[in-house]
Amino acid sequence: MQHLPSNAYLSVKEYARSVHMTRAGIYKALRTERLKGYKIDGTWIIPANAVLEGRRIHDGRLIGVTELKAGDLSGFLKKRGMRLKE
């Protein structure tokens, strides 16, 4: 019987927690091959250093988009801490 190094692979739950995503999002990334993982006896394991390809950026770039889509430019700028040059 061969054993895997304990710190080399993560479960879906552990990986999801480490990248601040839902488990459903991780499963979808595994199915669409945007994330490398291995399915062993029905259980996914993910290399600890795996990188999710094409992930949405969660660094605030989408802040204010709702206001912008509604045509509220001042609300968009306010949410982002910006203002128009006068």
N, C-alpha and C. Protein backbone atom coordinates (compact mmCIF):
# COMPACT_ATOMS: atom_id res chain seq x y z
N MET A 1 0.84 -1.18 0.00
CA MET A 1 0.00 0.00 0.00
C MET A 1 0.89 1.24 0.00
N GLN A 2 0.56 2.16 -0.87
CA GLN A 2 1.35 3.38 -0.98
C GLN A 2 0.62 4.53 -0.26
N HIS A 3 1.37 5.35 0.46
CA HIS A 3 0.79 6.47 1.20
C HIS A 3 1.18 7.78 0.54
N LEU A 4 0.25 8.74 0.58
CA LEU A 4 0.52 10.08 0.05
C LEU A 4 1.06 10.96 1.16
N PRO A 5 1.98 11.87 0.83
CA PRO A 5 2.45 12.82 1.85
C PRO A 5 1.28 13.67 2.35
N SER A 6 1.15 13.82 3.64
CA SER A 6 -0.02 14.50 4.21
C SER A 6 -0.11 15.98 3.84
N ASN A 7 1.01 16.64 3.61
CA ASN A 7 0.96 18.07 3.30
C ASN A 7 1.02 18.37 1.81
N ALA A 8 1.04 17.35 0.97
CA ALA A 8 1.16 17.56 -0.47
C ALA A 8 -0.19 17.70 -1.16
N TYR A 9 -1.26 17.19 -0.55
CA TYR A 9 -2.59 17.22 -1.17
C TYR A 9 -3.62 17.74 -0.18
N LEU A 10 -4.65 18.38 -0.74
CA LEU A 10 -5.75 18.91 0.08
C LEU A 10 -7.06 18.30 -0.38
N SER A 11 -8.01 18.24 0.53
CA SER A 11 -9.37 17.85 0.15
C SER A 11 -10.03 19.05 -0.53
N VAL A 12 -11.16 18.82 -1.14
CA VAL A 12 -11.90 19.92 -1.78
C VAL A 12 -12.26 20.98 -0.74
N LYS A 13 -12.70 20.53 0.42
CA LYS A 13 -13.08 21.47 1.49
C LYS A 13 -11.88 22.32 1.93
N GLU A 14 -10.73 21.68 2.13
CA GLU A 14 -9.53 22.41 2.55
C GLU A 14 -9.06 23.40 1.48
N TYR A 15 -9.08 22.95 0.21
CA TYR A 15 -8.64 23.84 -0.87
C TYR A 15 -9.60 25.02 -1.00
N ALA A 16 -10.91 24.74 -0.94
CA ALA A 16 -11.92 25.81 -1.05
C ALA A 16 -11.71 26.85 0.04
N ARG A 17 -11.46 26.40 1.25
CA ARG A 17 -11.23 27.32 2.36
C ARG A 17 -9.97 28.17 2.11
N SER A 18 -8.93 27.54 1.57
CA SER A 18 -7.67 28.25 1.39
C SER A 18 -7.73 29.32 0.30
N VAL A 19 -8.64 29.15 -0.68
CA VAL A 19 -8.75 30.14 -1.77
C VAL A 19 -10.04 30.95 -1.67
N HIS A 20 -10.76 30.81 -0.55
CA HIS A 20 -11.98 31.59 -0.28
C HIS A 20 -13.03 31.39 -1.37
N MET A 21 -13.29 30.13 -1.69
CA MET A 21 -14.33 29.78 -2.66
C MET A 21 -15.24 28.73 -2.04
N THR A 22 -16.36 28.47 -2.72
CA THR A 22 -17.25 27.42 -2.27
C THR A 22 -16.77 26.07 -2.78
N ARG A 23 -17.19 25.03 -2.11
CA ARG A 23 -16.84 23.68 -2.59
C ARG A 23 -17.44 23.43 -3.97
N ALA A 24 -18.66 23.95 -4.22
CA ALA A 24 -19.29 23.78 -5.52
C ALA A 24 -18.44 24.41 -6.62
N GLY A 25 -17.86 25.57 -6.34
CA GLY A 25 -16.99 26.22 -7.31
C GLY A 25 -15.73 25.42 -7.59
N ILE A 26 -15.20 24.77 -6.56
CA ILE A 26 -14.01 23.94 -6.74
C ILE A 26 -14.36 22.69 -7.55
N TYR A 27 -15.49 22.06 -7.26
CA TYR A 27 -15.91 20.89 -8.03
C TYR A 27 -16.09 21.26 -9.51
N LYS A 28 -16.68 22.41 -9.76
CA LYS A 28 -16.88 22.84 -11.16
C LYS A 28 -15.53 23.07 -11.84
N ALA A 29 -14.58 23.68 -11.13
CA ALA A 29 -13.25 23.92 -11.70
C ALA A 29 -12.55 22.60 -11.98
N LEU A 30 -12.74 21.61 -11.14
CA LEU A 30 -12.15 20.30 -11.38
C LEU A 30 -12.77 19.63 -12.60
N ARG A 31 -14.11 19.71 -12.72
CA ARG A 31 -14.79 19.10 -13.87
C ARG A 31 -14.42 19.76 -15.18
N THR A 32 -14.22 21.08 -15.15
CA THR A 32 -13.90 21.81 -16.38
C THR A 32 -12.39 21.91 -16.61
N GLU A 33 -11.63 21.23 -15.77
CA GLU A 33 -10.17 21.15 -15.88
C GLU A 33 -9.46 22.50 -15.74
N ARG A 34 -10.08 23.44 -15.02
CA ARG A 34 -9.42 24.69 -14.69
C ARG A 34 -8.56 24.54 -13.44
N LEU A 35 -8.73 23.40 -12.78
CA LEU A 35 -7.97 23.07 -11.58
C LEU A 35 -7.52 21.62 -11.69
N LYS A 36 -6.24 21.39 -11.43
CA LYS A 36 -5.70 20.04 -11.51
C LYS A 36 -5.99 19.31 -10.21
N GLY A 37 -6.55 18.12 -10.35
CA GLY A 37 -6.83 17.29 -9.19
C GLY A 37 -6.93 15.85 -9.63
N TYR A 38 -7.06 14.97 -8.68
CA TYR A 38 -7.13 13.54 -8.96
C TYR A 38 -8.31 12.95 -8.22
N LYS A 39 -9.08 12.12 -8.93
CA LYS A 39 -10.23 11.47 -8.31
C LYS A 39 -9.85 10.03 -8.02
N ILE A 40 -9.84 9.70 -6.74
CA ILE A 40 -9.45 8.37 -6.30
C ILE A 40 -10.62 7.77 -5.52
N ASP A 41 -11.16 6.69 -6.05
CA ASP A 41 -12.32 6.03 -5.42
C ASP A 41 -13.44 7.02 -5.10
N GLY A 42 -13.72 7.93 -6.02
CA GLY A 42 -14.81 8.87 -5.84
C GLY A 42 -14.49 10.09 -5.00
N THR A 43 -13.26 10.22 -4.54
CA THR A 43 -12.86 11.36 -3.72
C THR A 43 -11.79 12.17 -4.44
N TRP A 44 -11.99 13.47 -4.52
CA TRP A 44 -11.02 14.35 -5.16
C TRP A 44 -9.92 14.73 -4.18
N ILE A 45 -8.68 14.74 -4.67
CA ILE A 45 -7.57 15.33 -3.92
C ILE A 45 -6.91 16.34 -4.86
N ILE A 46 -6.44 17.42 -4.28
CA ILE A 46 -5.88 18.54 -5.06
C ILE A 46 -4.48 18.82 -4.54
N PRO A 47 -3.49 18.91 -5.45
CA PRO A 47 -2.15 19.26 -4.98
C PRO A 47 -2.19 20.58 -4.22
N ALA A 48 -1.47 20.66 -3.13
CA ALA A 48 -1.49 21.85 -2.28
C ALA A 48 -1.02 23.09 -3.03
N ASN A 49 -0.19 22.92 -4.05
CA ASN A 49 0.32 24.07 -4.80
C ASN A 49 -0.43 24.29 -6.11
N ALA A 50 -1.60 23.66 -6.28
CA ALA A 50 -2.38 23.81 -7.50
C ALA A 50 -2.90 25.24 -7.63
N VAL A 51 -2.94 25.72 -8.88
CA VAL A 51 -3.41 27.08 -9.16
C VAL A 51 -4.67 26.98 -10.00
N LEU A 52 -5.69 27.69 -9.59
CA LEU A 52 -6.96 27.72 -10.30
C LEU A 52 -6.83 28.65 -11.49
N GLU A 53 -7.01 28.12 -12.69
CA GLU A 53 -6.90 28.92 -13.91
C GLU A 53 -8.20 29.66 -14.19
N GLY A 54 -8.10 30.91 -14.58
CA GLY A 54 -9.27 31.69 -14.97
C GLY A 54 -10.18 32.07 -13.83
N ARG A 55 -9.66 32.16 -12.64
CA ARG A 55 -10.47 32.52 -11.48
C ARG A 55 -10.83 34.00 -11.51
N ARG A 56 -12.06 34.28 -11.09
CA ARG A 56 -12.46 35.68 -10.95
C ARG A 56 -11.61 36.33 -9.89
N ILE A 57 -11.26 37.56 -10.11
CA ILE A 57 -10.44 38.29 -9.14
C ILE A 57 -11.35 38.86 -8.07
N HIS A 58 -11.02 38.60 -6.81
CA HIS A 58 -11.82 39.07 -5.68
C HIS A 58 -11.08 40.17 -4.92
N ASP A 59 -10.49 41.09 -5.64
CA ASP A 59 -9.72 42.13 -4.96
C ASP A 59 -10.41 43.48 -5.00
N GLY A 60 -11.71 43.49 -5.28
CA GLY A 60 -12.45 44.74 -5.27
C GLY A 60 -12.68 45.35 -6.63
N ARG A 61 -12.20 44.73 -7.67
CA ARG A 61 -12.39 45.29 -9.00
C ARG A 61 -13.85 45.36 -9.41
N LEU A 62 -14.69 44.52 -8.82
CA LEU A 62 -16.10 44.51 -9.20
C LEU A 62 -16.96 45.41 -8.32
N ILE A 63 -16.35 46.08 -7.36
CA ILE A 63 -17.09 46.96 -6.48
C ILE A 63 -17.72 48.09 -7.29
N GLY A 64 -19.00 48.29 -7.10
CA GLY A 64 -19.70 49.39 -7.76
C GLY A 64 -20.26 49.06 -9.13
N VAL A 65 -20.09 47.85 -9.61
CA VAL A 65 -20.56 47.50 -10.95
C VAL A 65 -22.08 47.59 -11.03
N THR A 66 -22.77 47.23 -9.96
CA THR A 66 -24.23 47.32 -9.95
C THR A 66 -24.68 48.75 -10.20
N GLU A 67 -24.04 49.70 -9.54
CA GLU A 67 -24.37 51.11 -9.73
C GLU A 67 -24.06 51.55 -11.17
N LEU A 68 -22.94 51.10 -11.68
CA LEU A 68 -22.54 51.48 -13.04
C LEU A 68 -23.54 50.95 -14.07
N LYS A 69 -23.97 49.71 -13.90
CA LYS A 69 -24.94 49.12 -14.82
C LYS A 69 -26.28 49.85 -14.77
N ALA A 70 -26.60 50.39 -13.59
CA ALA A 70 -27.85 51.14 -13.44
C ALA A 70 -27.72 52.57 -13.95
N GLY A 71 -26.53 52.96 -14.41
CA GLY A 71 -26.32 54.31 -14.93
C GLY A 71 -25.95 55.32 -13.86
N ASP A 72 -25.62 54.85 -12.67
CA ASP A 72 -25.28 55.74 -11.57
C ASP A 72 -23.76 55.88 -11.46
N LEU A 73 -23.19 56.77 -12.27
CA LEU A 73 -21.75 56.94 -12.30
C LEU A 73 -21.22 57.48 -10.97
N SER A 74 -21.94 58.42 -10.35
CA SER A 74 -21.46 58.97 -9.09
C SER A 74 -21.46 57.90 -7.99
N GLY A 75 -22.46 57.03 -7.97
CA GLY A 75 -22.50 55.94 -7.00
C GLY A 75 -21.36 54.96 -7.22
N PHE A 76 -21.07 54.67 -8.49
CA PHE A 76 -19.96 53.79 -8.85
C PHE A 76 -18.63 54.36 -8.34
N LEU A 77 -18.41 55.63 -8.63
CA LEU A 77 -17.16 56.27 -8.21
C LEU A 77 -17.06 56.36 -6.70
N LYS A 78 -18.18 56.65 -6.04
CA LYS A 78 -18.17 56.77 -4.59
C LYS A 78 -17.79 55.44 -3.93
N LYS A 79 -18.38 54.33 -4.43
CA LYS A 79 -18.07 53.01 -3.86
C LYS A 79 -16.60 52.66 -4.02
N ARG A 80 -15.98 53.16 -5.08
CA ARG A 80 -14.56 52.88 -5.33
C ARG A 80 -13.63 53.92 -4.71
N GLY A 81 -14.22 54.92 -4.04
CA GLY A 81 -13.40 55.94 -3.41
C GLY A 81 -12.77 56.88 -4.42
N MET A 82 -13.49 57.14 -5.50
CA MET A 82 -12.98 57.99 -6.58
C MET A 82 -13.93 59.16 -6.79
N ARG A 83 -13.48 60.14 -7.56
CA ARG A 83 -14.36 61.25 -7.95
C ARG A 83 -13.90 61.78 -9.31
N LEU A 84 -14.82 62.46 -9.97
CA LEU A 84 -14.51 63.04 -11.28
C LEU A 84 -13.60 64.24 -11.14
N LYS A 85 -12.70 64.43 -12.09
CA LYS A 85 -11.88 65.63 -12.11
C LYS A 85 -12.74 66.80 -12.51
N GLU A 86 -12.52 67.92 -11.89
CA GLU A 86 -13.32 69.10 -12.24
C GLU A 86 -12.51 70.08 -13.01
